[in-house]
PDB file of N, CA and C in Angstrom:
ATOM      1  N   MET A   1     266.141 -48.162 144.536  1.00  0.00           N
ATOM      2  CA  MET A   1     267.632 -48.085 144.143  1.00  0.00           C
ATOM      3  C   MET A   1     267.808 -47.538 142.713  1.00  0.00           C
ATOM      4  N   ALA A   2     267.121 -47.679 141.637  1.00  0.00           N
ATOM      5  CA  ALA A   2     267.422 -47.154 140.596  1.00  0.00           C
ATOM      6  C   ALA A   2     266.821 -45.766 140.370  1.00  0.00           C
ATOM      7  N   MET A   3     265.933 -45.432 141.286  1.00  0.00           N
ATOM      8  CA  MET A   3     265.537 -44.069 141.372  1.00  0.00           C
ATOM      9  C   MET A   3     266.717 -43.062 141.784  1.00  0.00           C
ATOM     10  N   ASN A   4     267.457 -43.789 142.873  1.00  0.00           N
ATOM     11  CA  ASN A   4     268.559 -42.790 143.421  1.00  0.00           C
ATOM     12  C   ASN A   4     269.617 -42.940 142.526  1.00  0.00           C
ATOM     13  N   ALA A   5     269.749 -43.945 141.656  1.00  0.00           N
ATOM     14  CA  ALA A   5     270.763 -43.996 140.479  1.00  0.00           C
ATOM     15  C   ALA A   5     270.463 -42.888 139.479  1.00  0.00           C
ATOM     16  N   LYS A   6     269.376 -42.882 139.130  1.00  0.00           N
ATOM     17  CA  LYS A   6     268.932 -41.842 138.108  1.00  0.00           C
ATOM     18  C   LYS A   6     269.127 -40.258 138.691  1.00  0.00           C
ATOM     19  N   LYS A   7     268.904 -40.083 139.923  1.00  0.00           N
ATOM     20  CA  LYS A   7     269.141 -38.760 140.572  1.00  0.00           C
ATOM     21  C   LYS A   7     270.620 -38.501 140.541  1.00  0.00           C
ATOM     22  N   ILE A   8     271.408 -39.544 140.824  1.00  0.00           N
ATOM     23  CA  ILE A   8     272.799 -39.353 141.050  1.00  0.00           C
ATOM     24  C   ILE A   8     273.295 -38.826 139.578  1.00  0.00           C
ATOM     25  N   VAL A   9     272.825 -39.546 138.752  1.00  0.00           N
ATOM     26  CA  VAL A   9     273.399 -39.381 136.996  1.00  0.00           C
ATOM     27  C   VAL A   9     272.806 -38.041 136.800  1.00  0.00           C
ATOM     28  N   VAL A  10     271.721 -37.550 137.239  1.00  0.00           N
ATOM     29  CA  VAL A  10     271.285 -36.297 136.651  1.00  0.00           C
ATOM     30  C   VAL A  10     272.064 -35.104 137.456  1.00  0.00           C
ATOM     31  N   TYR A  11     272.180 -35.180 138.722  1.00  0.00           N
ATOM     32  CA  TYR A  11     272.960 -34.524 139.495  1.00  0.00           C
ATOM     33  C   TYR A  11     274.548 -34.137 139.013  1.00  0.00           C
ATOM     34  N   VAL A  12     275.263 -35.244 138.509  1.00  0.00           N
ATOM     35  CA  VAL A  12     276.360 -35.385 137.938  1.00  0.00           C
ATOM     36  C   VAL A  12     276.421 -34.734 136.702  1.00  0.00           C
ATOM     37  N   LEU A  13     275.506 -34.904 135.795  1.00  0.00           N
ATOM     38  CA  LEU A  13     275.598 -34.148 134.576  1.00  0.00           C
ATOM     39  C   LEU A  13     275.370 -32.565 134.639  1.00  0.00           C
ATOM     40  N   VAL A  14     274.349 -32.251 135.722  1.00  0.00           N
ATOM     41  CA  VAL A  14     274.241 -30.965 135.938  1.00  0.00           C
ATOM     42  C   VAL A  14     275.354 -30.126 136.424  1.00  0.00           C
ATOM     43  N   ALA A  15     276.077 -30.881 137.272  1.00  0.00           N
ATOM     44  CA  ALA A  15     277.214 -30.269 137.780  1.00  0.00           C
ATOM     45  C   ALA A  15     278.325 -30.278 136.761  1.00  0.00           C
ATOM     46  N   PHE A  16     278.524 -31.122 135.770  1.00  0.00           N
ATOM     47  CA  PHE A  16     279.349 -31.114 134.719  1.00  0.00           C
ATOM     48  C   PHE A  16     279.203 -30.105 133.681  1.00  0.00           C
ATOM     49  N   ALA A  17     277.871 -29.842 133.253  1.00  0.00           N
ATOM     50  CA  ALA A  17     277.333 -28.868 132.640  1.00  0.00           C
ATOM     51  C   ALA A  17     277.792 -27.492 133.310  1.00  0.00           C
ATOM     52  N   LEU A  18     277.568 -27.149 134.552  1.00  0.00           N
ATOM     53  CA  LEU A  18     277.761 -25.929 135.249  1.00  0.00           C
ATOM     54  C   LEU A  18     279.398 -25.814 135.182  1.00  0.00           C
ATOM     55  N   TYR A  19     280.111 -26.830 135.504  1.00  0.00           N
ATOM     56  CA  TYR A  19     281.553 -26.873 135.398  1.00  0.00           C
ATOM     57  C   TYR A  19     282.154 -26.311 134.015  1.00  0.00           C
ATOM     58  N   VAL A  20     281.614 -26.676 133.160  1.00  0.00           N
ATOM     59  CA  VAL A  20     281.937 -26.354 131.480  1.00  0.00           C
ATOM     60  C   VAL A  20     281.472 -24.993 131.285  1.00  0.00           C
ATOM     61  N   ILE A  21     280.384 -24.345 131.783  1.00  0.00           N
ATOM     62  CA  ILE A  21     279.999 -23.154 131.516  1.00  0.00           C
ATOM     63  C   ILE A  21     280.940 -22.196 132.387  1.00  0.00           C
ATOM     64  N   ILE A  22     281.130 -22.554 133.666  1.00  0.00           N
ATOM     65  CA  ILE A  22     282.056 -21.550 134.394  1.00  0.00           C
ATOM     66  C   ILE A  22     283.371 -21.405 134.018  1.00  0.00           C
ATOM     67  N   THR A  23     284.039 -22.557 133.782  1.00  0.00           N
ATOM     68  CA  THR A  23     285.624 -22.596 133.191  1.00  0.00           C
ATOM     69  C   THR A  23     285.570 -22.372 131.791  1.00  0.00           C
ATOM     70  N   ASP A  24     284.570 -22.482 130.867  1.00  0.00           N
ATOM     71  CA  ASP A  24     284.970 -21.995 129.522  1.00  0.00           C
ATOM     72  C   ASP A  24     283.684 -21.532 128.902  1.00  0.00           C
ATOM     73  N   PRO A  25     283.209 -20.408 129.158  1.00  0.00           N
ATOM     74  CA  PRO A  25     281.990 -19.959 128.564  1.00  0.00           C
ATOM     75  C   PRO A  25     281.844 -19.935 126.970  1.00  0.00           C
ATOM     76  N   ASP A  26     283.096 -19.392 126.351  1.00  0.00           N
ATOM     77  CA  ASP A  26     283.084 -19.672 124.855  1.00  0.00           C
ATOM     78  C   ASP A  26     282.671 -21.026 124.245  1.00  0.00           C
ATOM     79  N   GLY A  27     283.498 -21.897 124.768  1.00  0.00           N
ATOM     80  CA  GLY A  27     283.305 -23.438 124.512  1.00  0.00           C
ATOM     81  C   GLY A  27     281.992 -23.569 124.820  1.00  0.00           C
ATOM     82  N   ALA A  28     281.207 -23.367 125.853  1.00  0.00           N
ATOM     83  CA  ALA A  28     279.907 -23.584 126.293  1.00  0.00           C
ATOM     84  C   ALA A  28     278.940 -23.281 125.244  1.00  0.00           C
ATOM     85  N   THR A  29     279.122 -22.084 124.773  1.00  0.00           N
ATOM     86  CA  THR A  29     278.183 -21.576 123.796  1.00  0.00           C
ATOM     87  C   THR A  29     278.270 -22.295 122.268  1.00  0.00           C
ATOM     88  N   ASP A  30     279.462 -22.576 122.195  1.00  0.00           N
ATOM     89  CA  ASP A  30     279.785 -23.682 120.750  1.00  0.00           C
ATOM     90  C   ASP A  30     278.774 -24.855 121.167  1.00  0.00           C
ATOM     91  N   TYR A  31     279.158 -25.434 122.361  1.00  0.00           N
ATOM     92  CA  TYR A  31     278.161 -26.677 122.580  1.00  0.00           C
ATOM     93  C   TYR A  31     276.912 -26.635 122.356  1.00  0.00           C
ATOM     94  N   VAL A  32     276.261 -25.435 122.894  1.00  0.00           N
ATOM     95  CA  VAL A  32     274.933 -25.320 122.890  1.00  0.00           C
ATOM     96  C   VAL A  32     274.385 -25.057 121.248  1.00  0.00           C
ATOM     97  N   ARG A  33     275.288 -24.305 120.556  1.00  0.00           N
ATOM     98  CA  ARG A  33     274.780 -24.201 119.217  1.00  0.00           C
ATOM     99  C   ARG A  33     274.863 -25.595 118.386  1.00  0.00           C
ATOM    100  N   ILE A  34     275.779 -26.223 118.805  1.00  0.00           N
ATOM    101  CA  ILE A  34     276.020 -27.659 118.028  1.00  0.00           C
ATOM    102  C   ILE A  34     274.790 -28.414 118.504  1.00  0.00           C
ATOM    103  N   GLY A  35     274.555 -28.365 119.834  1.00  0.00           N
ATOM    104  CA  GLY A  35     273.324 -29.197 120.207  1.00  0.00           C
ATOM    105  C   GLY A  35     272.044 -28.743 119.287  1.00  0.00           C
ATOM    106  N   PHE A  36     271.823 -27.275 119.392  1.00  0.00           N
ATOM    107  CA  PHE A  36     270.530 -27.036 118.925  1.00  0.00           C
ATOM    108  C   PHE A  36     270.558 -27.108 117.270  1.00  0.00           C
ATOM    109  N   GLU A  37     271.833 -27.213 116.661  1.00  0.00           N
ATOM    110  CA  GLU A  37     271.817 -27.551 115.217  1.00  0.00           C
ATOM    111  C   GLU A  37     271.441 -29.064 114.917  1.00  0.00           C
ATOM    112  N   GLY A  38     271.901 -29.808 115.945  1.00  0.00           N
ATOM    113  CA  GLY A  38     271.725 -31.364 115.828  1.00  0.00           C
ATOM    114  C   GLY A  38     270.072 -31.552 116.075  1.00  0.00           C
ATOM    115  N   ILE A  39     269.490 -30.921 116.948  1.00  0.00           N
ATOM    116  CA  ILE A  39     268.133 -30.910 116.922  1.00  0.00           C
ATOM    117  C   ILE A  39     267.439 -30.518 116.152  1.00  0.00           C
ATOM    118  N   SER A  40     267.848 -29.307 115.317  1.00  0.00           N
ATOM    119  CA  SER A  40     267.417 -28.851 114.071  1.00  0.00           C
ATOM    120  C   SER A  40     267.402 -29.768 112.981  1.00  0.00           C
ATOM    121  N   ASP A  41     268.469 -30.379 112.751  1.00  0.00           N
ATOM    122  CA  ASP A  41     268.665 -31.376 111.708  1.00  0.00           C
ATOM    123  C   ASP A  41     267.750 -32.767 111.912  1.00  0.00           C
ATOM    124  N   ALA A  42     267.738 -33.132 113.108  1.00  0.00           N
ATOM    125  CA  ALA A  42     266.771 -34.200 113.414  1.00  0.00           C
ATOM    126  C   ALA A  42     265.235 -33.970 113.083  1.00  0.00           C
ATOM    127  N   ALA A  43     265.070 -32.857 113.629  1.00  0.00           N
ATOM    128  CA  ALA A  43     263.443 -32.356 113.225  1.00  0.00           C
ATOM    129  C   ALA A  43     263.125 -32.164 111.717  1.00  0.00           C
ATOM    130  N   LYS A  44     264.259 -31.627 110.800  1.00  0.00           N
ATOM    131  CA  LYS A  44     264.214 -31.539 109.639  1.00  0.00           C
ATOM    132  C   LYS A  44     263.878 -32.936 108.985  1.00  0.00           C
ATOM    133  N   ALA A  45     264.717 -33.875 109.457  1.00  0.00           N
ATOM    134  CA  ALA A  45     264.815 -35.112 109.027  1.00  0.00           C
ATOM    135  C   ALA A  45     263.557 -35.934 109.143  1.00  0.00           C
ATOM    136  N   ILE A  46     263.026 -35.882 110.435  1.00  0.00           N
ATOM    137  CA  ILE A  46     261.819 -36.256 110.511  1.00  0.00           C
ATOM    138  C   ILE A  46     260.631 -35.819 109.792  1.00  0.00           C
ATOM    139  N   GLY A  47     260.659 -34.387 109.515  1.00  0.00           N
ATOM    140  CA  GLY A  47     259.630 -33.699 108.747  1.00  0.00           C
ATOM    141  C   GLY A  47     259.880 -34.292 107.388  1.00  0.00           C
ATOM    142  N   ASP A  48     261.175 -34.443 106.835  1.00  0.00           N
ATOM    143  CA  ASP A  48     261.439 -34.860 105.532  1.00  0.00           C
ATOM    144  C   ASP A  48     260.804 -36.429 105.261  1.00  0.00           C
ATOM    145  N   PHE A  49     260.905 -37.221 106.471  1.00  0.00           N
ATOM    146  CA  PHE A  49     260.377 -38.622 106.229  1.00  0.00           C
ATOM    147  C   PHE A  49     258.881 -38.657 106.367  1.00  0.00           C
ATOM    148  N   MET A  50     258.358 -37.644 107.189  1.00  0.00           N
ATOM    149  CA  MET A  50     256.734 -37.596 107.251  1.00  0.00           C
ATOM    150  C   MET A  50     255.955 -37.241 105.995  1.00  0.00           C
ATOM    151  N   THR A  51     256.830 -36.484 105.170  1.00  0.00           N
ATOM    152  CA  THR A  51     256.415 -35.998 103.955  1.00  0.00           C
ATOM    153  C   THR A  51     256.570 -37.090 102.978  1.00  0.00           C
ATOM    154  N   TRP A  52     257.613 -37.851 103.129  1.00  0.00           N
ATOM    155  CA  TRP A  52     257.631 -38.802 102.018  1.00  0.00           C
ATOM    156  C   TRP A  52     256.553 -40.079 102.419  1.00  0.00           C
ATOM    157  N   VAL A  53     256.438 -40.229 103.743  1.00  0.00           N
ATOM    158  CA  VAL A  53     255.313 -41.122 104.034  1.00  0.00           C
ATOM    159  C   VAL A  53     253.693 -40.643 103.393  1.00  0.00           C
ATOM    160  N   ALA A  54     253.462 -39.441 103.702  1.00  0.00           N
ATOM    161  CA  ALA A  54     252.357 -38.824 103.528  1.00  0.00           C
ATOM    162  C   ALA A  54     252.015 -38.944 101.728  1.00  0.00           C
ATOM    163  N   SER A  55     253.304 -38.807 101.299  1.00  0.00           N
ATOM    164  CA  SER A  55     253.242 -38.808  99.793  1.00  0.00           C
ATOM    165  C   SER A  55     253.260 -40.276  99.067  1.00  0.00           C
ATOM    166  N   ARG A  56     253.128 -41.102 100.004  1.00  0.00           N
ATOM    167  CA  ARG A  56     253.140 -42.585  99.911  1.00  0.00           C
ATOM    168  C   ARG A  56     254.448 -43.117  99.254  1.00  0.00           C
ATOM    169  N   GLY A  57     255.583 -42.513  99.625  1.00  0.00           N
ATOM    170  CA  GLY A  57     256.728 -42.867  99.017  1.00  0.00           C
ATOM    171  C   GLY A  57     257.252 -42.566  97.737  1.00  0.00           C
ATOM    172  N   GLU A  58     256.609 -41.518  97.046  1.00  0.00           N
ATOM    173  CA  GLU A  58     256.584 -41.204  95.830  1.00  0.00           C
ATOM    174  C   GLU A  58     257.867 -39.909  95.934  1.00  0.00           C
TER     175      GLU A  58
END
């Protein structure tokens, strides 16, 4: 039952993403850019934390 719910949620999210891309391509590019900036910022923060841990908190 839970597996079917996961599939349904994935299909709904994919359908929504396609709807946004088709109806507002310019907005979709902004969303993708914002998403990649968020991923980049998160990776940088993790890198900074690992550097801090490697330097023993100094």
